N, C-alpha and C. Protein backbone atom coordinates (compact mmCIF):
# COMPACT_ATOMS: atom_id res chain seq x y z
N MET A 1 37.03 254.98 -100.33
CA MET A 1 37.50 254.76 -99.10
C MET A 1 38.69 254.04 -99.90
N SER A 2 39.76 254.54 -99.41
CA SER A 2 41.13 253.90 -99.77
C SER A 2 41.64 253.42 -98.31
N PHE A 3 42.43 252.37 -98.87
CA PHE A 3 43.22 251.63 -97.63
C PHE A 3 44.55 252.23 -97.60
N PRO A 4 45.39 252.02 -96.48
CA PRO A 4 46.65 252.45 -96.49
C PRO A 4 47.62 251.52 -96.78
N ARG A 5 48.41 251.99 -97.48
CA ARG A 5 49.52 251.23 -98.27
C ARG A 5 50.42 250.33 -97.06
N ILE A 6 50.46 249.30 -97.07
CA ILE A 6 51.51 248.87 -95.79
C ILE A 6 52.65 248.04 -96.68
N HIS A 7 53.71 248.53 -96.32
CA HIS A 7 54.96 248.00 -97.10
C HIS A 7 55.79 246.84 -96.07
N LEU A 8 55.77 245.77 -96.26
CA LEU A 8 56.48 244.83 -95.74
C LEU A 8 57.88 244.54 -96.22
N GLN A 9 58.64 244.67 -95.08
CA GLN A 9 60.20 244.51 -95.50
C GLN A 9 60.45 243.38 -95.00
N THR A 10 61.42 242.40 -95.75
CA THR A 10 61.69 241.02 -95.28
C THR A 10 63.38 241.50 -94.93
N PHE A 11 63.74 240.61 -93.79
CA PHE A 11 65.24 240.85 -93.72
C PHE A 11 65.70 239.18 -93.93
N PRO A 12 67.07 239.10 -94.54
CA PRO A 12 67.64 237.88 -94.53
C PRO A 12 68.11 237.29 -93.42
N SER A 13 68.12 236.30 -93.25
CA SER A 13 68.82 235.73 -91.91
C SER A 13 69.89 235.99 -91.76
N PRO A 14 70.56 236.04 -90.52
CA PRO A 14 71.78 236.59 -90.22
C PRO A 14 73.01 235.76 -90.73
N PHE A 15 72.58 234.44 -90.98
CA PHE A 15 73.71 233.64 -91.61
C PHE A 15 74.00 233.77 -93.08
N ALA A 16 72.75 234.03 -93.86
CA ALA A 16 72.62 234.25 -95.09
C ALA A 16 73.17 235.79 -95.86
N ALA A 17 73.07 236.46 -94.62
CA ALA A 17 73.42 238.07 -94.91
C ALA A 17 74.90 238.42 -95.56
N PRO A 18 75.92 237.73 -94.79
CA PRO A 18 77.08 238.15 -95.47
C PRO A 18 77.27 237.35 -96.45
N PHE A 19 76.94 236.34 -96.91
CA PHE A 19 76.80 235.57 -98.39
C PHE A 19 76.19 236.20 -99.36
N HIS A 20 74.81 236.98 -98.73
CA HIS A 20 74.16 237.51 -100.06
C HIS A 20 74.84 238.78 -100.31
N ALA A 21 75.56 239.56 -99.37
CA ALA A 21 76.03 240.77 -99.87
C ALA A 21 77.30 240.53 -100.72
N VAL A 22 77.91 239.62 -100.37
CA VAL A 22 79.08 239.44 -101.32
C VAL A 22 78.66 238.67 -102.62
N ALA A 23 77.71 238.13 -102.62
CA ALA A 23 77.20 237.50 -103.99
C ALA A 23 76.54 238.93 -104.80
N HIS A 24 76.01 239.71 -104.08
CA HIS A 24 75.62 241.08 -105.02
C HIS A 24 76.80 241.87 -105.48
N ARG A 25 77.97 241.81 -104.95
CA ARG A 25 79.17 242.65 -105.04
C ARG A 25 80.12 241.80 -106.24
N LEU A 26 80.06 240.61 -105.93
CA LEU A 26 81.00 239.79 -106.92
C LEU A 26 79.99 239.64 -108.25
N ARG A 27 80.86 239.39 -109.30
CA ARG A 27 80.38 239.08 -110.43
C ARG A 27 80.42 237.54 -110.72
N PRO A 28 79.68 236.61 -111.43
CA PRO A 28 79.50 235.52 -111.54
C PRO A 28 81.08 234.78 -111.53
N PRO A 29 82.13 234.98 -112.26
CA PRO A 29 83.31 234.45 -112.37
C PRO A 29 83.85 234.48 -111.09
N ALA A 30 83.89 235.86 -110.41
CA ALA A 30 84.60 236.02 -109.20
C ALA A 30 84.07 235.11 -107.98
N LEU A 31 82.86 235.20 -108.21
CA LEU A 31 81.97 234.29 -107.16
C LEU A 31 82.29 232.83 -107.24
N LEU A 32 82.15 232.20 -108.33
CA LEU A 32 82.94 230.84 -108.52
C LEU A 32 84.34 230.64 -108.23
N GLY A 33 85.19 231.73 -108.28
CA GLY A 33 86.55 231.73 -107.90
C GLY A 33 86.48 231.58 -106.22
N ALA A 34 85.87 232.56 -105.89
CA ALA A 34 85.86 232.52 -104.22
C ALA A 34 85.27 231.33 -103.55
N LEU A 35 84.22 230.76 -104.26
CA LEU A 35 83.49 229.64 -103.86
C LEU A 35 84.68 228.28 -103.96
N ALA A 36 85.34 228.25 -104.97
CA ALA A 36 86.47 227.17 -105.05
C ALA A 36 87.51 227.15 -104.16
N GLY A 37 87.97 228.77 -104.02
CA GLY A 37 88.97 228.88 -102.84
C GLY A 37 88.49 228.36 -101.51
N PHE A 38 87.15 228.69 -101.07
CA PHE A 38 86.65 228.11 -99.97
C PHE A 38 86.75 226.72 -99.90
N SER A 39 86.29 226.05 -100.96
CA SER A 39 86.31 224.56 -101.00
C SER A 39 87.61 224.07 -100.79
N PHE A 40 88.71 224.40 -101.61
CA PHE A 40 89.94 224.07 -101.29
C PHE A 40 90.59 224.12 -99.93
N ALA A 41 90.27 225.34 -99.50
CA ALA A 41 90.92 225.71 -97.97
C ALA A 41 90.19 224.68 -97.02
N ALA A 42 88.99 224.07 -97.17
CA ALA A 42 88.13 223.39 -96.26
C ALA A 42 88.74 221.93 -96.73
N ALA A 43 88.82 221.33 -97.79
CA ALA A 43 89.49 220.20 -98.20
C ALA A 43 90.80 220.22 -97.67
N GLY A 44 91.60 221.09 -97.58
CA GLY A 44 93.05 221.02 -97.19
C GLY A 44 93.14 220.64 -95.65
N LEU A 45 92.03 221.23 -94.92
CA LEU A 45 92.17 221.37 -93.38
C LEU A 45 91.44 219.96 -93.20
N LEU A 46 90.63 219.51 -93.84
CA LEU A 46 90.18 217.92 -93.72
C LEU A 46 91.47 217.00 -93.89
N VAL A 47 92.13 217.02 -95.15
CA VAL A 47 93.42 216.31 -95.45
C VAL A 47 94.46 216.51 -94.29
N ASN A 48 94.62 217.76 -93.99
CA ASN A 48 95.61 217.80 -93.17
C ASN A 48 95.19 217.26 -91.53
N GLY A 49 94.06 217.19 -91.07
CA GLY A 49 93.66 216.63 -89.99
C GLY A 49 93.86 215.17 -90.09
N ALA A 50 93.44 214.52 -91.43
CA ALA A 50 93.58 213.18 -91.44
C ALA A 50 94.98 212.55 -91.51
N TYR A 51 95.77 213.25 -92.32
CA TYR A 51 97.03 212.69 -92.14
C TYR A 51 97.96 212.89 -91.22
N PHE A 52 97.91 214.37 -90.78
CA PHE A 52 98.99 214.54 -89.90
C PHE A 52 98.38 214.26 -88.22
N GLY A 53 97.05 214.22 -88.28
CA GLY A 53 96.39 213.74 -86.78
C GLY A 53 96.96 212.63 -86.19
N ALA A 54 97.47 211.73 -87.15
CA ALA A 54 97.79 210.53 -86.78
C ALA A 54 99.23 210.58 -86.41
N VAL A 55 100.00 211.33 -87.05
CA VAL A 55 101.38 211.41 -87.03
C VAL A 55 101.74 212.35 -85.44
N THR A 56 101.02 213.32 -85.17
CA THR A 56 101.21 214.07 -83.89
C THR A 56 100.48 213.61 -82.78
N LYS A 57 99.67 212.33 -82.83
CA LYS A 57 99.03 211.67 -81.75
C LYS A 57 99.91 211.44 -80.73
N ALA A 58 99.39 212.09 -79.45
CA ALA A 58 100.15 211.81 -77.91
C ALA A 58 100.60 210.25 -77.52
N ALA A 59 101.45 210.36 -77.11
CA ALA A 59 102.09 208.73 -76.76
C ALA A 59 100.93 208.28 -75.76
N PRO A 60 100.74 206.97 -75.63
CA PRO A 60 99.87 206.34 -74.93
C PRO A 60 100.14 206.52 -73.49
N THR A 61 99.16 206.76 -72.70
CA THR A 61 99.24 206.88 -70.96
C THR A 61 99.54 205.61 -70.55
N ASN A 62 100.10 205.61 -69.35
CA ASN A 62 100.32 204.20 -68.51
C ASN A 62 98.97 203.32 -68.49
N THR A 63 97.88 204.04 -68.19
CA THR A 63 96.47 203.50 -68.16
C THR A 63 96.35 202.73 -69.61
N GLU A 64 96.68 203.37 -70.62
CA GLU A 64 96.13 202.72 -71.88
C GLU A 64 97.02 201.45 -72.12
N ILE A 65 98.39 201.90 -72.00
CA ILE A 65 99.37 200.52 -71.94
C ILE A 65 99.03 199.47 -70.95
N VAL A 66 98.65 199.65 -69.85
CA VAL A 66 98.38 198.48 -68.94
C VAL A 66 97.24 197.90 -69.23
N ASN A 67 96.03 198.48 -69.77
CA ASN A 67 95.00 198.04 -70.43
C ASN A 67 95.07 197.06 -71.75
N ALA A 68 96.05 197.58 -72.71
CA ALA A 68 96.05 196.86 -73.81
C ALA A 68 96.94 195.77 -73.40
N VAL A 69 97.95 195.80 -72.61
CA VAL A 69 98.85 194.33 -72.13
C VAL A 69 97.99 193.61 -71.67
N THR A 70 97.11 194.07 -70.46
CA THR A 70 96.50 193.03 -69.80
C THR A 70 95.38 192.18 -70.50
N SER A 71 94.96 193.06 -71.59
CA SER A 71 94.24 192.28 -72.53
C SER A 71 94.58 190.96 -73.12
N TYR A 72 95.92 191.33 -73.64
CA TYR A 72 96.74 189.94 -74.21
C TYR A 72 96.99 189.14 -73.00
N ILE A 73 97.38 189.37 -71.84
CA ILE A 73 97.66 188.53 -70.69
C ILE A 73 96.38 187.60 -70.35
N ASN A 74 95.41 188.40 -70.23
CA ASN A 74 94.04 187.70 -69.64
C ASN A 74 93.66 186.84 -70.87
N GLN A 75 93.53 186.99 -71.96
CA GLN A 75 92.90 186.38 -72.99
C GLN A 75 93.72 186.11 -74.24
N TRP A 76 93.30 184.88 -74.72
CA TRP A 76 94.04 184.67 -76.17
C TRP A 76 93.31 185.16 -77.08
N GLN A 77 93.83 185.97 -77.98
CA GLN A 77 93.27 186.67 -79.07
C GLN A 77 93.76 186.08 -80.14
N GLU A 78 93.33 184.86 -80.85
CA GLU A 78 93.79 183.99 -81.94
C GLU A 78 94.52 184.82 -82.92
N GLN A 79 93.75 185.90 -83.48
CA GLN A 79 94.16 186.84 -84.56
C GLN A 79 95.29 187.72 -84.41
N ALA A 80 95.10 188.16 -83.41
CA ALA A 80 96.21 189.17 -82.80
C ALA A 80 97.48 188.62 -82.06
N ASP A 81 97.17 187.64 -81.51
CA ASP A 81 98.14 186.85 -80.65
C ASP A 81 98.36 185.45 -80.92
N PRO A 82 98.80 184.96 -82.26
CA PRO A 82 98.88 183.81 -82.73
C PRO A 82 99.96 182.96 -81.56
N LEU A 83 100.02 181.72 -81.47
CA LEU A 83 100.77 180.79 -80.83
C LEU A 83 101.99 180.62 -81.87
N VAL A 84 103.25 180.79 -81.18
CA VAL A 84 104.44 180.47 -81.91
C VAL A 84 105.21 179.47 -81.29
N ASN A 85 106.12 178.39 -82.05
CA ASN A 85 106.89 177.39 -81.43
C ASN A 85 108.01 177.87 -80.82
N VAL A 86 108.31 177.34 -79.67
CA VAL A 86 109.56 177.91 -79.11
C VAL A 86 110.41 176.59 -78.92
N ALA A 87 111.60 176.43 -79.33
CA ALA A 87 112.30 175.26 -79.05
C ALA A 87 112.53 174.73 -77.73
N GLY A 88 112.26 173.36 -77.45
CA GLY A 88 112.19 172.84 -76.09
C GLY A 88 111.16 173.17 -75.36
N VAL A 89 110.46 174.14 -75.85
CA VAL A 89 109.31 174.44 -74.86
C VAL A 89 107.87 174.10 -75.47
N GLY A 90 107.37 174.19 -76.68
CA GLY A 90 106.23 173.99 -77.09
C GLY A 90 105.77 175.44 -77.59
N GLN A 91 104.32 175.69 -77.77
CA GLN A 91 104.14 176.95 -78.10
C GLN A 91 103.51 177.87 -77.06
N VAL A 92 103.97 179.17 -77.37
CA VAL A 92 103.53 180.35 -76.69
C VAL A 92 102.93 181.15 -77.22
N LYS A 93 102.27 182.36 -76.38
CA LYS A 93 101.65 183.44 -77.24
C LYS A 93 102.69 184.61 -77.76
N SER A 94 102.47 184.80 -78.81
CA SER A 94 103.45 185.71 -79.44
C SER A 94 103.73 186.96 -78.96
N SER A 95 102.58 187.32 -78.07
CA SER A 95 102.77 188.49 -77.28
C SER A 95 103.74 188.25 -76.31
N ASN A 96 103.91 187.42 -75.68
CA ASN A 96 105.01 187.02 -74.34
C ASN A 96 106.43 187.08 -75.05
N LEU A 97 106.57 186.58 -76.39
CA LEU A 97 107.77 186.62 -76.95
C LEU A 97 108.20 187.86 -77.37
N GLN A 98 107.20 188.31 -78.25
CA GLN A 98 107.42 189.54 -79.05
C GLN A 98 107.09 190.98 -78.51
N GLY A 99 106.36 191.05 -77.68
CA GLY A 99 105.74 192.04 -77.03
C GLY A 99 104.49 192.53 -77.80
N VAL A 100 104.06 193.81 -77.28
CA VAL A 100 102.72 194.06 -77.87
C VAL A 100 102.93 195.37 -78.32
N GLU A 101 102.49 195.85 -79.71
CA GLU A 101 102.80 197.28 -80.13
C GLU A 101 101.46 198.15 -79.78
N ILE A 102 101.82 199.12 -79.17
CA ILE A 102 100.83 200.21 -78.70
C ILE A 102 101.28 201.61 -79.16
N GLY A 103 100.62 202.32 -79.89
CA GLY A 103 100.90 203.59 -80.32
C GLY A 103 102.11 203.72 -81.05
N GLY A 104 102.59 202.95 -81.74
CA GLY A 104 103.77 202.70 -82.54
C GLY A 104 104.97 202.37 -81.49
N GLN A 105 104.85 201.96 -80.25
CA GLN A 105 105.98 201.63 -79.72
C GLN A 105 105.85 199.98 -79.06
N ARG A 106 106.77 199.49 -78.76
CA ARG A 106 106.57 197.70 -78.39
C ARG A 106 106.85 197.80 -76.80
N TYR A 107 105.69 197.23 -76.26
CA TYR A 107 105.87 196.81 -74.91
C TYR A 107 105.78 195.15 -74.42
N TYR A 108 106.57 195.10 -73.45
CA TYR A 108 106.72 193.56 -73.34
C TYR A 108 106.19 193.26 -71.75
N TYR A 109 105.81 192.15 -71.68
CA TYR A 109 105.43 191.78 -70.12
C TYR A 109 106.03 190.34 -69.89
N ARG A 110 106.38 190.27 -68.51
CA ARG A 110 107.05 189.50 -67.95
C ARG A 110 106.34 188.64 -66.64
N LEU A 111 105.99 187.36 -66.78
CA LEU A 111 105.34 186.98 -65.77
C LEU A 111 106.30 186.40 -64.75
N VAL A 112 106.36 187.07 -63.70
CA VAL A 112 107.56 187.03 -62.67
C VAL A 112 107.54 185.53 -62.25
N ALA A 113 106.60 185.00 -61.52
CA ALA A 113 106.64 183.85 -60.99
C ALA A 113 106.32 182.61 -61.70
N GLY A 114 106.20 182.69 -62.96
CA GLY A 114 105.89 181.66 -63.83
C GLY A 114 106.54 181.47 -65.27
N ALA A 115 106.67 180.78 -66.14
CA ALA A 115 107.57 180.64 -67.26
C ALA A 115 106.99 181.92 -68.25
N SER A 116 108.14 182.53 -68.63
CA SER A 116 107.84 183.79 -69.45
C SER A 116 108.93 183.69 -70.38
N PHE A 117 108.49 184.41 -71.92
CA PHE A 117 109.54 184.04 -72.76
C PHE A 117 109.96 185.37 -73.37
N ASP A 118 109.84 186.54 -72.67
CA ASP A 118 110.23 187.95 -72.90
C ASP A 118 111.59 187.93 -73.21
N PRO A 119 112.21 189.19 -73.56
CA PRO A 119 113.59 189.41 -73.62
C PRO A 119 114.34 189.36 -72.44
N VAL A 120 113.55 190.05 -71.33
CA VAL A 120 114.08 190.18 -69.97
C VAL A 120 114.27 188.81 -69.45
N SER A 121 113.35 187.88 -69.51
CA SER A 121 113.38 186.71 -69.03
C SER A 121 114.41 185.51 -69.50
N GLN A 122 114.49 185.84 -70.93
CA GLN A 122 115.58 184.98 -71.57
C GLN A 122 116.90 185.65 -71.68
N GLY A 123 117.11 186.69 -70.81
CA GLY A 123 118.45 187.17 -70.93
C GLY A 123 118.95 187.60 -72.08
N GLN A 124 117.81 188.34 -72.89
CA GLN A 124 118.40 188.96 -74.07
C GLN A 124 118.23 190.48 -74.28
N ALA A 125 117.96 190.92 -73.13
CA ALA A 125 117.76 192.63 -73.14
C ALA A 125 118.78 192.82 -72.12
N GLY A 126 119.06 194.21 -72.43
CA GLY A 126 120.09 195.05 -71.66
C GLY A 126 119.04 195.93 -70.37
N HIS A 127 119.14 197.02 -70.83
CA HIS A 127 118.44 198.10 -69.88
C HIS A 127 117.11 198.15 -70.52
N TYR A 128 116.14 198.23 -69.58
CA TYR A 128 114.85 198.65 -70.10
C TYR A 128 114.01 199.43 -68.82
N THR A 129 112.79 199.99 -69.38
CA THR A 129 112.26 200.77 -68.34
C THR A 129 110.92 200.13 -68.02
N THR A 130 110.77 200.02 -66.51
CA THR A 130 109.37 199.53 -66.21
C THR A 130 108.13 200.55 -66.23
N VAL A 131 107.07 200.12 -66.66
CA VAL A 131 105.94 200.92 -67.18
C VAL A 131 105.16 200.78 -65.88
N ALA A 132 104.85 199.39 -65.66
CA ALA A 132 104.06 199.17 -64.39
C ALA A 132 104.33 197.55 -63.66
N VAL A 133 103.96 197.42 -62.43
CA VAL A 133 103.96 196.21 -61.89
C VAL A 133 102.71 195.84 -61.46
N LEU A 134 102.34 194.88 -62.01
CA LEU A 134 100.64 194.15 -61.65
C LEU A 134 100.84 193.23 -60.64
N ASP A 135 99.86 193.30 -59.53
CA ASP A 135 99.74 192.23 -58.68
C ASP A 135 101.32 192.07 -57.96
N SER A 136 101.76 192.86 -57.33
CA SER A 136 103.06 192.92 -56.82
C SER A 136 103.08 192.28 -55.54
N GLY A 137 104.21 191.28 -55.45
CA GLY A 137 104.21 190.38 -54.35
C GLY A 137 103.21 189.12 -54.30
N THR A 138 102.79 188.86 -55.15
CA THR A 138 101.96 187.77 -55.36
C THR A 138 102.26 186.68 -56.24
N GLN A 139 101.70 185.62 -56.52
CA GLN A 139 102.03 184.65 -57.50
C GLN A 139 101.95 184.95 -58.80
N PHE A 140 100.88 186.04 -59.07
CA PHE A 140 100.67 186.54 -60.32
C PHE A 140 101.06 187.85 -60.49
N GLU A 141 102.16 188.22 -60.25
CA GLU A 141 103.01 189.41 -60.32
C GLU A 141 103.58 189.59 -61.85
N VAL A 142 103.36 190.71 -62.73
CA VAL A 142 103.76 190.75 -63.74
C VAL A 142 104.32 192.45 -64.13
N LEU A 143 105.57 192.09 -64.75
CA LEU A 143 106.06 193.45 -64.99
C LEU A 143 105.95 193.88 -66.38
N ILE A 144 105.24 194.96 -66.63
CA ILE A 144 105.49 195.43 -67.97
C ILE A 144 106.28 196.60 -68.16
N TYR A 145 107.20 196.36 -69.35
CA TYR A 145 108.31 197.36 -69.70
C TYR A 145 108.56 197.57 -70.94
N GLN A 146 109.26 198.60 -71.06
CA GLN A 146 109.72 198.67 -72.57
C GLN A 146 111.16 198.78 -72.93
N LEU A 147 112.15 198.21 -73.76
CA LEU A 147 113.56 198.20 -73.95
C LEU A 147 114.25 199.36 -73.91
N ASP A 148 114.83 199.96 -73.42
CA ASP A 148 115.73 201.06 -73.88
C ASP A 148 116.42 201.08 -75.35
N GLN A 149 116.25 202.14 -75.88
CA GLN A 149 117.01 202.12 -77.32
C GLN A 149 118.39 202.30 -77.31
């Protein structure tokens, strides 16, 4: 009694098939060159994204600016916002005097009803662009602005 011969054929996975076909056609030195080329291309894309991603970053939105500046207004951040001496006044938060840098640009805040040491309040600024007015018409009104260049 004889048994029928069964031939099982396996198929490579769809992801490995293109690489398997290329590997059979290329000789080892050419295969190494192709792999090195793919590696350099992938590394170039990663480096390009790391270096130029920060350069081409979009300007911060008004919401991001308001959130960042109000965090300086509402809390004292000892490391990021040290106190500085102002002649005849005492110590003030450096963010009120020198502004806050957000996305590579400097923004200032002015406490309208209270003592404020920003450039507009001190009469040292010419033209400026208003970014936001918080608590308008109250004793807590704050003007967030950027100096025009």
